[in-house]
Amino acid sequence: PASVFPSQKPRSELVRTSLRLLTSSAYRLQSECRKALPAEPSPAPDIQLVTQQVIQCAYDIAKAAKQLVTITTKENNN
């Protein structure tokens, strides 16, 4: 997300909010995927819970991406 707006801070609060959701969801997705592959001595993860969390993260990423596309499309058409 930072590379989309490399040298400027987005002026729109909607863009900033969408970028925060996109970034935080991507970090959460990475964390949840790591939980699915625990180290050997660790107890097995609850795969159903991890799967639900991965699905939620993916949904949040898609939602944020859609918001950004919608916002930038509107801004470019004005």
Protein backbone atom coordinates (compact mmCIF):
# COMPACT_ATOMS: atom_id res chain seq x y z
CA PRO A 1 0.00 0.00 0.00
CA ALA A 2 2.80 2.43 0.74
CA SER A 3 4.13 2.04 -2.80
CA VAL A 4 0.77 3.22 -4.19
CA PHE A 5 1.31 6.59 -2.51
CA PRO A 6 5.14 6.62 -2.15
CA SER A 7 5.96 10.28 -1.68
CA GLN A 8 2.74 11.77 -0.46
CA LYS A 9 0.39 11.40 2.44
CA PRO A 10 -3.10 10.85 1.04
CA ARG A 11 -5.29 13.86 1.73
CA SER A 12 -8.52 11.91 1.81
CA GLU A 13 -9.47 10.39 5.15
CA LEU A 14 -11.28 7.63 3.23
CA VAL A 15 -8.04 6.74 1.43
CA ARG A 16 -6.07 6.75 4.69
CA THR A 17 -8.71 4.56 6.36
CA SER A 18 -8.73 2.12 3.44
CA LEU A 19 -4.94 1.96 3.40
CA ARG A 20 -4.86 1.27 7.14
CA LEU A 21 -7.42 -1.53 6.72
CA LEU A 22 -5.48 -2.98 3.80
CA THR A 23 -2.17 -2.89 5.65
CA SER A 24 -3.46 -4.21 8.97
CA SER A 25 -5.40 -6.99 7.24
CA ALA A 26 -2.33 -8.04 5.27
CA TYR A 27 -0.28 -8.25 8.48
CA ARG A 28 -3.07 -10.21 10.17
CA LEU A 29 -3.27 -12.57 7.19
CA GLN A 30 0.46 -13.20 7.38
CA SER A 31 0.20 -13.89 11.11
CA GLU A 32 -2.76 -16.26 10.72
CA CYS A 33 -1.00 -18.19 7.96
CA ARG A 34 2.04 -18.61 10.20
CA LYS A 35 -0.21 -20.11 12.88
CA ALA A 36 -1.23 -22.83 10.42
CA LEU A 37 2.40 -23.98 10.24
CA PRO A 38 3.51 -24.18 13.88
CA ALA A 39 6.92 -25.31 15.03
CA GLU A 40 7.17 -29.03 15.78
CA PRO A 41 6.99 -28.94 19.60
CA SER A 42 3.98 -26.60 19.58
CA PRO A 43 0.48 -27.99 19.94
CA ALA A 44 -1.47 -28.26 16.69
CA PRO A 45 -3.45 -25.13 15.88
CA ASP A 46 -7.23 -25.07 15.66
CA ILE A 47 -7.35 -25.25 11.87
CA GLN A 48 -11.02 -24.32 11.71
CA LEU A 49 -10.39 -21.12 13.69
CA VAL A 50 -7.29 -20.27 11.66
CA THR A 51 -9.26 -20.85 8.44
CA GLN A 52 -12.04 -18.53 9.62
CA GLN A 53 -9.48 -15.85 10.49
CA VAL A 54 -7.77 -16.21 7.09
CA ILE A 55 -11.13 -15.86 5.34
CA GLN A 56 -11.92 -12.73 7.39
CA CYS A 57 -8.51 -11.21 6.57
CA ALA A 58 -8.97 -11.94 2.88
CA TYR A 59 -12.42 -10.33 3.00
CA ASP A 60 -11.01 -7.23 4.71
CA ILE A 61 -8.23 -6.97 2.11
CA ALA A 62 -10.74 -7.24 -0.74
CA LYS A 63 -12.99 -4.65 0.94
CA ALA A 64 -10.13 -2.18 1.37
CA ALA A 65 -8.96 -2.72 -2.20
CA LYS A 66 -12.48 -2.12 -3.51
CA GLN A 67 -12.75 1.07 -1.44
CA LEU A 68 -9.44 2.33 -2.85
CA VAL A 69 -10.46 1.55 -6.44
CA THR A 70 -13.80 3.28 -5.94
CA ILE A 71 -12.22 6.35 -4.36
CA THR A 72 -9.44 6.72 -6.92
CA THR A 73 -11.83 6.13 -9.82
CA LYS A 74 -14.11 8.90 -8.53
CA GLU A 75 -11.14 11.24 -7.98
CA ASN A 76 -9.76 10.58 -11.47
CA ASN A 77 -13.15 11.21 -13.08
CA ASN A 78 -13.49 14.63 -11.41
